[in-house]
């Protein structure tokens, strides 16, 4: 039991690092992938913590099934998390039956950065403490 408690920070750190590199689920039933170009951003006002903020989603143009489609992503994020600029090339995952329903693949860099920072930081801190007190 004591060994498990000593290794718990290492296991949690490794779990965070592994989760950072796992692909995220798209939530699309019949997925297909394409390369798209961000042409602008859609703005939506939302209420969070008793105040109004702007949330943004990329408007992307891409080719699906031989036709050109321009649509806004359905995932709006707060302005401080938004990372797309007009002209950026993005990989998207769209529904074959309804190509206007799509998600930006790998668009959640914030999640990956937080998980990697927590995992590597905890692992480094535990390693320093282990060397210092052993």
N, C-alpha and C. Protein backbone atom coordinates (compact mmCIF):
# COMPACT_ATOMS: atom_id res chain seq x y z
N UNK A 1 0.82 -1.20 0.00
CA UNK A 1 0.00 0.00 0.00
C UNK A 1 0.86 1.26 0.00
N UNK A 2 1.95 1.23 0.75
CA UNK A 2 2.83 2.40 0.83
C UNK A 2 3.52 2.64 -0.51
N UNK A 3 3.90 1.57 -1.20
CA UNK A 3 4.52 1.73 -2.52
C UNK A 3 3.54 2.36 -3.49
N UNK A 4 2.27 1.95 -3.42
CA UNK A 4 1.25 2.54 -4.28
C UNK A 4 1.12 4.04 -4.03
N UNK A 5 1.12 4.45 -2.77
CA UNK A 5 1.02 5.88 -2.44
C UNK A 5 2.25 6.65 -2.91
N UNK A 6 3.42 6.01 -2.86
CA UNK A 6 4.63 6.68 -3.32
C UNK A 6 4.64 6.83 -4.84
N UNK A 7 4.05 5.89 -5.54
CA UNK A 7 4.03 5.93 -7.00
C UNK A 7 2.80 6.65 -7.58
N UNK A 8 1.86 7.02 -6.74
CA UNK A 8 0.65 7.68 -7.22
C UNK A 8 0.93 8.96 -8.02
N UNK A 9 1.81 9.87 -7.56
CA UNK A 9 2.08 11.06 -8.38
C UNK A 9 2.68 10.72 -9.74
N UNK A 10 3.51 9.69 -9.80
CA UNK A 10 4.11 9.27 -11.07
C UNK A 10 3.03 8.73 -12.00
N UNK A 11 2.11 7.93 -11.48
CA UNK A 11 1.04 7.37 -12.30
C UNK A 11 0.10 8.47 -12.81
N UNK A 12 -0.25 9.43 -11.96
CA UNK A 12 -1.12 10.53 -12.37
C UNK A 12 -0.42 11.37 -13.44
N UNK A 13 0.87 11.63 -13.26
CA UNK A 13 1.63 12.40 -14.24
C UNK A 13 1.67 11.70 -15.59
N UNK A 14 1.96 10.41 -15.58
CA UNK A 14 2.01 9.65 -16.83
C UNK A 14 0.64 9.58 -17.49
N UNK A 15 -0.43 9.46 -16.69
CA UNK A 15 -1.78 9.46 -17.24
C UNK A 15 -2.08 10.79 -17.94
N UNK A 16 -1.70 11.90 -17.34
CA UNK A 16 -1.93 13.22 -17.96
C UNK A 16 -1.15 13.34 -19.27
N UNK A 17 0.08 12.86 -19.30
CA UNK A 17 0.89 12.94 -20.51
C UNK A 17 0.29 12.09 -21.61
N UNK A 18 -0.18 10.89 -21.28
CA UNK A 18 -0.82 10.02 -22.27
C UNK A 18 -2.11 10.63 -22.78
N UNK A 19 -2.93 11.19 -21.89
CA UNK A 19 -4.19 11.82 -22.29
C UNK A 19 -3.95 13.02 -23.22
N UNK A 20 -2.84 13.71 -23.04
CA UNK A 20 -2.54 14.86 -23.89
C UNK A 20 -2.32 14.45 -25.34
N UNK A 21 -1.83 13.22 -25.56
CA UNK A 21 -1.53 12.79 -26.92
C UNK A 21 -2.60 11.89 -27.54
N UNK A 22 -3.64 11.55 -26.79
CA UNK A 22 -4.73 10.78 -27.37
C UNK A 22 -5.56 11.66 -28.30
N UNK A 23 -5.98 11.14 -29.44
CA UNK A 23 -6.81 11.96 -30.31
C UNK A 23 -8.18 12.19 -29.67
N UNK A 24 -8.71 13.38 -29.89
CA UNK A 24 -10.02 13.69 -29.33
C UNK A 24 -11.12 13.11 -30.20
N UNK A 25 -12.23 12.76 -29.58
CA UNK A 25 -13.36 12.20 -30.33
C UNK A 25 -14.07 13.32 -31.06
N UNK A 26 -14.43 13.02 -32.30
CA UNK A 26 -15.04 14.07 -33.11
C UNK A 26 -16.54 14.20 -32.87
N UNK A 27 -17.21 13.12 -32.46
CA UNK A 27 -18.65 13.18 -32.25
C UNK A 27 -19.44 13.17 -33.55
N UNK A 28 -18.80 12.84 -34.66
CA UNK A 28 -19.45 12.81 -35.97
C UNK A 28 -19.65 11.35 -36.36
N UNK A 29 -20.87 11.02 -36.79
CA UNK A 29 -21.22 9.61 -37.03
C UNK A 29 -20.53 8.99 -38.24
N UNK A 30 -20.48 9.68 -39.37
CA UNK A 30 -19.81 9.14 -40.57
C UNK A 30 -18.70 10.10 -40.96
N UNK A 31 -17.55 10.02 -40.27
CA UNK A 31 -16.52 11.04 -40.46
C UNK A 31 -15.73 10.90 -41.76
N UNK A 32 -15.36 12.03 -42.31
CA UNK A 32 -14.43 12.15 -43.43
C UNK A 32 -13.54 13.35 -43.12
N UNK A 33 -12.34 13.34 -43.64
CA UNK A 33 -11.40 14.42 -43.34
C UNK A 33 -11.11 15.24 -44.59
N UNK A 34 -10.82 16.50 -44.39
CA UNK A 34 -10.47 17.40 -45.48
C UNK A 34 -9.57 18.51 -44.95
N UNK A 35 -8.91 19.18 -45.87
CA UNK A 35 -8.09 20.35 -45.55
C UNK A 35 -8.95 21.57 -45.83
N UNK A 36 -9.00 22.49 -44.89
CA UNK A 36 -9.78 23.70 -45.08
C UNK A 36 -8.97 24.95 -44.82
N UNK A 37 -9.54 26.09 -45.16
CA UNK A 37 -8.89 27.38 -44.94
C UNK A 37 -9.84 28.25 -44.14
N UNK A 38 -9.33 28.83 -43.07
CA UNK A 38 -10.14 29.75 -42.25
C UNK A 38 -10.31 31.04 -43.03
N UNK A 39 -11.57 31.46 -43.23
CA UNK A 39 -11.81 32.70 -43.97
C UNK A 39 -12.25 33.85 -43.06
N UNK A 40 -12.82 33.52 -41.92
CA UNK A 40 -13.23 34.55 -40.95
C UNK A 40 -13.59 33.84 -39.66
N UNK A 41 -14.26 34.57 -38.78
CA UNK A 41 -14.72 33.95 -37.54
C UNK A 41 -16.14 34.41 -37.24
N UNK A 42 -16.91 33.51 -36.69
CA UNK A 42 -18.28 33.82 -36.27
C UNK A 42 -18.24 34.23 -34.80
N UNK A 43 -19.03 35.22 -34.44
CA UNK A 43 -19.04 35.75 -33.08
C UNK A 43 -20.39 35.47 -32.45
N UNK A 44 -20.35 35.05 -31.20
CA UNK A 44 -21.57 34.79 -30.44
C UNK A 44 -21.36 35.34 -29.03
N UNK A 45 -22.34 36.03 -28.52
CA UNK A 45 -22.25 36.53 -27.15
C UNK A 45 -22.87 35.51 -26.21
N UNK A 46 -22.13 35.16 -25.17
CA UNK A 46 -22.62 34.17 -24.20
C UNK A 46 -22.43 34.73 -22.79
N UNK A 47 -23.23 34.18 -21.87
CA UNK A 47 -23.13 34.57 -20.47
C UNK A 47 -22.33 33.53 -19.71
N UNK A 48 -21.28 34.00 -19.03
CA UNK A 48 -20.47 33.13 -18.18
C UNK A 48 -20.15 33.87 -16.90
N UNK A 49 -20.42 33.24 -15.80
CA UNK A 49 -20.11 33.80 -14.48
C UNK A 49 -20.68 35.22 -14.33
N UNK A 50 -21.93 35.39 -14.68
CA UNK A 50 -22.67 36.64 -14.51
C UNK A 50 -22.13 37.79 -15.34
N UNK A 51 -21.47 37.50 -16.44
CA UNK A 51 -21.04 38.56 -17.34
C UNK A 51 -21.10 38.06 -18.78
N UNK A 52 -21.22 39.00 -19.68
CA UNK A 52 -21.33 38.66 -21.09
C UNK A 52 -19.93 38.69 -21.71
N UNK A 53 -19.60 37.61 -22.45
CA UNK A 53 -18.32 37.55 -23.15
C UNK A 53 -18.56 37.18 -24.60
N UNK A 54 -17.56 37.41 -25.44
CA UNK A 54 -17.63 37.02 -26.83
C UNK A 54 -17.00 35.64 -27.00
N UNK A 55 -17.71 34.78 -27.71
CA UNK A 55 -17.18 33.47 -28.07
C UNK A 55 -17.03 33.43 -29.58
N UNK A 56 -15.97 32.80 -30.04
CA UNK A 56 -15.66 32.77 -31.47
C UNK A 56 -15.58 31.34 -31.99
N UNK A 57 -15.89 31.19 -33.26
CA UNK A 57 -15.75 29.91 -33.96
C UNK A 57 -15.23 30.22 -35.37
N UNK A 58 -14.35 29.37 -35.91
CA UNK A 58 -13.83 29.66 -37.24
C UNK A 58 -14.86 29.39 -38.34
N UNK A 59 -14.86 30.23 -39.36
CA UNK A 59 -15.64 29.99 -40.58
C UNK A 59 -14.63 29.44 -41.58
N UNK A 60 -14.89 28.23 -42.06
CA UNK A 60 -13.92 27.51 -42.88
C UNK A 60 -14.52 27.20 -44.25
N UNK A 61 -13.69 27.27 -45.27
CA UNK A 61 -14.09 26.85 -46.60
C UNK A 61 -13.28 25.59 -46.94
N UNK A 62 -13.98 24.58 -47.47
CA UNK A 62 -13.33 23.32 -47.81
C UNK A 62 -14.10 22.62 -48.91
N UNK A 63 -13.51 21.62 -49.52
CA UNK A 63 -14.14 20.86 -50.59
C UNK A 63 -14.58 19.51 -50.04
N UNK A 64 -15.86 19.18 -50.24
CA UNK A 64 -16.41 17.89 -49.79
C UNK A 64 -17.36 17.37 -50.85
N UNK A 65 -17.11 16.17 -51.31
CA UNK A 65 -17.98 15.58 -52.32
C UNK A 65 -17.99 16.35 -53.62
N UNK A 66 -16.90 17.00 -53.96
CA UNK A 66 -16.82 17.73 -55.21
C UNK A 66 -17.42 19.12 -55.20
N UNK A 67 -17.89 19.57 -54.05
CA UNK A 67 -18.44 20.93 -53.99
C UNK A 67 -17.76 21.74 -52.90
N UNK A 68 -17.71 23.02 -53.12
CA UNK A 68 -17.07 23.95 -52.19
C UNK A 68 -18.07 24.33 -51.10
N UNK A 69 -17.65 24.19 -49.85
CA UNK A 69 -18.54 24.48 -48.71
C UNK A 69 -17.86 25.50 -47.81
N UNK A 70 -18.62 26.48 -47.39
CA UNK A 70 -18.18 27.45 -46.39
C UNK A 70 -19.17 27.39 -45.23
N UNK A 71 -18.66 27.11 -44.06
CA UNK A 71 -19.53 26.98 -42.89
C UNK A 71 -18.77 27.35 -41.63
N UNK A 72 -19.52 27.68 -40.59
CA UNK A 72 -18.92 27.99 -39.29
C UNK A 72 -18.92 26.73 -38.43
N UNK A 73 -17.87 26.56 -37.68
CA UNK A 73 -17.79 25.44 -36.75
C UNK A 73 -18.83 25.63 -35.65
N UNK A 74 -19.27 24.55 -35.07
CA UNK A 74 -20.30 24.63 -34.03
C UNK A 74 -19.72 24.85 -32.64
N UNK A 75 -18.41 24.69 -32.48
CA UNK A 75 -17.79 24.85 -31.17
C UNK A 75 -17.29 26.28 -31.01
N UNK A 76 -17.99 27.05 -30.21
CA UNK A 76 -17.58 28.41 -29.90
C UNK A 76 -16.73 28.37 -28.64
N UNK A 77 -15.64 29.10 -28.66
CA UNK A 77 -14.75 29.17 -27.50
C UNK A 77 -14.58 30.63 -27.09
N UNK A 78 -14.27 30.88 -25.82
CA UNK A 78 -14.04 32.26 -25.39
C UNK A 78 -12.92 32.91 -26.21
N UNK A 79 -12.99 34.21 -26.31
CA UNK A 79 -12.06 34.95 -27.15
C UNK A 79 -10.59 34.66 -26.80
N UNK A 80 -10.28 34.51 -25.51
CA UNK A 80 -8.90 34.29 -25.10
C UNK A 80 -8.39 32.91 -25.47
N UNK A 81 -9.27 31.96 -25.81
CA UNK A 81 -8.85 30.63 -26.23
C UNK A 81 -8.81 30.48 -27.75
N UNK A 82 -9.34 31.43 -28.46
CA UNK A 82 -9.45 31.33 -29.92
C UNK A 82 -8.07 31.51 -30.55
N UNK A 83 -7.68 30.58 -31.43
CA UNK A 83 -6.32 30.59 -31.97
C UNK A 83 -6.25 30.65 -33.50
N UNK A 84 -7.35 30.91 -34.19
CA UNK A 84 -7.35 30.87 -35.65
C UNK A 84 -7.32 32.28 -36.24
N UNK A 85 -6.65 32.38 -37.39
CA UNK A 85 -6.56 33.64 -38.12
C UNK A 85 -6.96 33.38 -39.57
N UNK A 86 -7.51 34.38 -40.26
CA UNK A 86 -7.84 34.18 -41.69
C UNK A 86 -6.61 33.75 -42.47
N UNK A 87 -6.81 32.72 -43.29
CA UNK A 87 -5.71 32.18 -44.09
C UNK A 87 -5.07 30.94 -43.48
N UNK A 88 -5.35 30.66 -42.20
CA UNK A 88 -4.80 29.45 -41.57
C UNK A 88 -5.37 28.21 -42.24
N UNK A 89 -4.51 27.23 -42.46
CA UNK A 89 -4.96 25.94 -42.98
C UNK A 89 -5.24 25.03 -41.79
N UNK A 90 -6.41 24.39 -41.81
CA UNK A 90 -6.81 23.51 -40.71
C UNK A 90 -7.30 22.18 -41.27
N UNK A 91 -7.13 21.14 -40.50
CA UNK A 91 -7.66 19.83 -40.85
C UNK A 91 -9.01 19.70 -40.18
N UNK A 92 -10.01 19.33 -40.94
CA UNK A 92 -11.36 19.23 -40.39
C UNK A 92 -11.87 17.81 -40.55
N UNK A 93 -12.84 17.47 -39.72
CA UNK A 93 -13.55 16.20 -39.76
C UNK A 93 -15.02 16.54 -39.95
N UNK A 94 -15.60 16.09 -41.07
CA UNK A 94 -16.99 16.44 -41.36
C UNK A 94 -17.84 15.19 -41.55
N UNK A 95 -19.14 15.35 -41.44
CA UNK A 95 -20.11 14.27 -41.64
C UNK A 95 -20.34 14.12 -43.15
N UNK A 96 -20.17 12.90 -43.66
CA UNK A 96 -20.33 12.67 -45.10
C UNK A 96 -21.73 13.03 -45.59
N UNK A 97 -22.76 12.75 -44.79
CA UNK A 97 -24.13 13.05 -45.20
C UNK A 97 -24.45 14.53 -45.10
N UNK A 98 -23.86 15.22 -44.14
CA UNK A 98 -24.09 16.65 -43.92
C UNK A 98 -22.75 17.34 -43.76
N UNK A 99 -22.08 17.65 -44.87
CA UNK A 99 -20.73 18.22 -44.78
C UNK A 99 -20.63 19.56 -44.07
N UNK A 100 -21.74 20.26 -43.91
CA UNK A 100 -21.67 21.54 -43.20
C UNK A 100 -21.50 21.34 -41.70
N UNK A 101 -21.68 20.12 -41.21
CA UNK A 101 -21.41 19.79 -39.81
C UNK A 101 -19.98 19.29 -39.71
N UNK A 102 -19.12 20.07 -39.11
CA UNK A 102 -17.72 19.68 -39.03
C UNK A 102 -17.10 20.13 -37.72
N UNK A 103 -15.93 19.59 -37.44
CA UNK A 103 -15.12 19.98 -36.29
C UNK A 103 -13.70 20.20 -36.78
N UNK A 104 -13.01 21.10 -36.16
CA UNK A 104 -11.60 21.28 -36.45
C UNK A 104 -10.83 20.22 -35.67
N UNK A 105 -10.05 19.40 -36.37
CA UNK A 105 -9.26 18.36 -35.72
C UNK A 105 -8.04 19.01 -35.06
N UNK A 106 -7.76 18.59 -33.85
CA UNK A 106 -6.59 19.12 -33.17
C UNK A 106 -6.72 20.58 -32.80
N UNK A 107 -7.93 21.09 -32.75
CA UNK A 107 -8.12 22.50 -32.43
C UNK A 107 -8.05 22.80 -30.95
N UNK A 108 -7.93 21.80 -30.13
CA UNK A 108 -7.92 22.03 -28.70
C UNK A 108 -6.50 21.97 -28.15
N UNK A 109 -5.70 22.94 -28.52
CA UNK A 109 -4.32 22.99 -28.05
C UNK A 109 -4.25 23.37 -26.57
N UNK A 110 -5.26 24.09 -26.10
CA UNK A 110 -5.28 24.49 -24.69
C UNK A 110 -5.34 23.27 -23.78
N UNK A 111 -6.20 22.30 -24.11
CA UNK A 111 -6.33 21.07 -23.32
C UNK A 111 -5.00 20.33 -23.29
N UNK A 112 -4.37 20.19 -24.45
CA UNK A 112 -3.09 19.48 -24.52
C UNK A 112 -2.02 20.19 -23.70
N UNK A 113 -1.97 21.52 -23.81
CA UNK A 113 -0.96 22.28 -23.07
C UNK A 113 -1.14 22.14 -21.55
N UNK A 114 -2.38 22.19 -21.09
CA UNK A 114 -2.65 22.05 -19.66
C UNK A 114 -2.26 20.66 -19.17
N UNK A 115 -2.66 19.63 -19.91
CA UNK A 115 -2.33 18.26 -19.49
C UNK A 115 -0.82 18.02 -19.49
N UNK A 116 -0.13 18.48 -20.51
CA UNK A 116 1.33 18.30 -20.56
C UNK A 116 2.03 19.09 -19.45
N UNK A 117 1.59 20.31 -19.22
CA UNK A 117 2.20 21.12 -18.17
C UNK A 117 2.01 20.47 -16.81
N UNK A 118 0.80 20.00 -16.52
CA UNK A 118 0.53 19.35 -15.25
C UNK A 118 1.33 18.06 -15.11
N UNK A 119 1.31 17.23 -16.16
CA UNK A 119 2.00 15.95 -16.11
C UNK A 119 3.50 16.08 -15.96
N UNK A 120 4.13 16.89 -16.80
CA UNK A 120 5.58 17.05 -16.75
C UNK A 120 6.00 17.80 -15.49
N UNK A 121 5.23 18.82 -15.10
CA UNK A 121 5.55 19.56 -13.89
C UNK A 121 5.48 18.71 -12.64
N UNK A 122 4.43 17.90 -12.52
CA UNK A 122 4.29 17.02 -11.36
C UNK A 122 5.39 15.98 -11.34
N UNK A 123 5.71 15.42 -12.49
CA UNK A 123 6.77 14.41 -12.58
C UNK A 123 8.12 15.02 -12.20
N UNK A 124 8.41 16.22 -12.68
CA UNK A 124 9.67 16.88 -12.35
C UNK A 124 9.74 17.23 -10.86
N UNK A 125 8.66 17.76 -10.31
CA UNK A 125 8.64 18.12 -8.89
C UNK A 125 8.80 16.88 -8.01
N UNK A 126 8.13 15.81 -8.37
CA UNK A 126 8.25 14.58 -7.58
C UNK A 126 9.65 14.02 -7.68
N UNK A 127 10.25 14.08 -8.86
CA UNK A 127 11.63 13.60 -9.03
C UNK A 127 12.61 14.41 -8.20
N UNK A 128 12.45 15.73 -8.18
CA UNK A 128 13.33 16.58 -7.37
C UNK A 128 13.17 16.27 -5.90
N UNK A 129 11.93 16.16 -5.43
CA UNK A 129 11.69 15.84 -4.02
C UNK A 129 12.21 14.46 -3.65
N UNK A 130 12.07 13.53 -4.55
CA UNK A 130 12.53 12.15 -4.28
C UNK A 130 14.05 12.12 -4.15
N UNK A 131 14.76 12.82 -5.05
CA UNK A 131 16.23 12.86 -4.97
C UNK A 131 16.68 13.62 -3.72
N UNK A 132 15.98 14.67 -3.38
CA UNK A 132 16.35 15.50 -2.25
C UNK A 132 16.17 14.78 -0.89
N UNK A 133 15.15 13.97 -0.77
CA UNK A 133 14.84 13.35 0.52
C UNK A 133 15.24 11.89 0.61
N UNK A 134 15.93 11.37 -0.37
CA UNK A 134 16.37 9.97 -0.29
C UNK A 134 17.85 9.89 -0.11
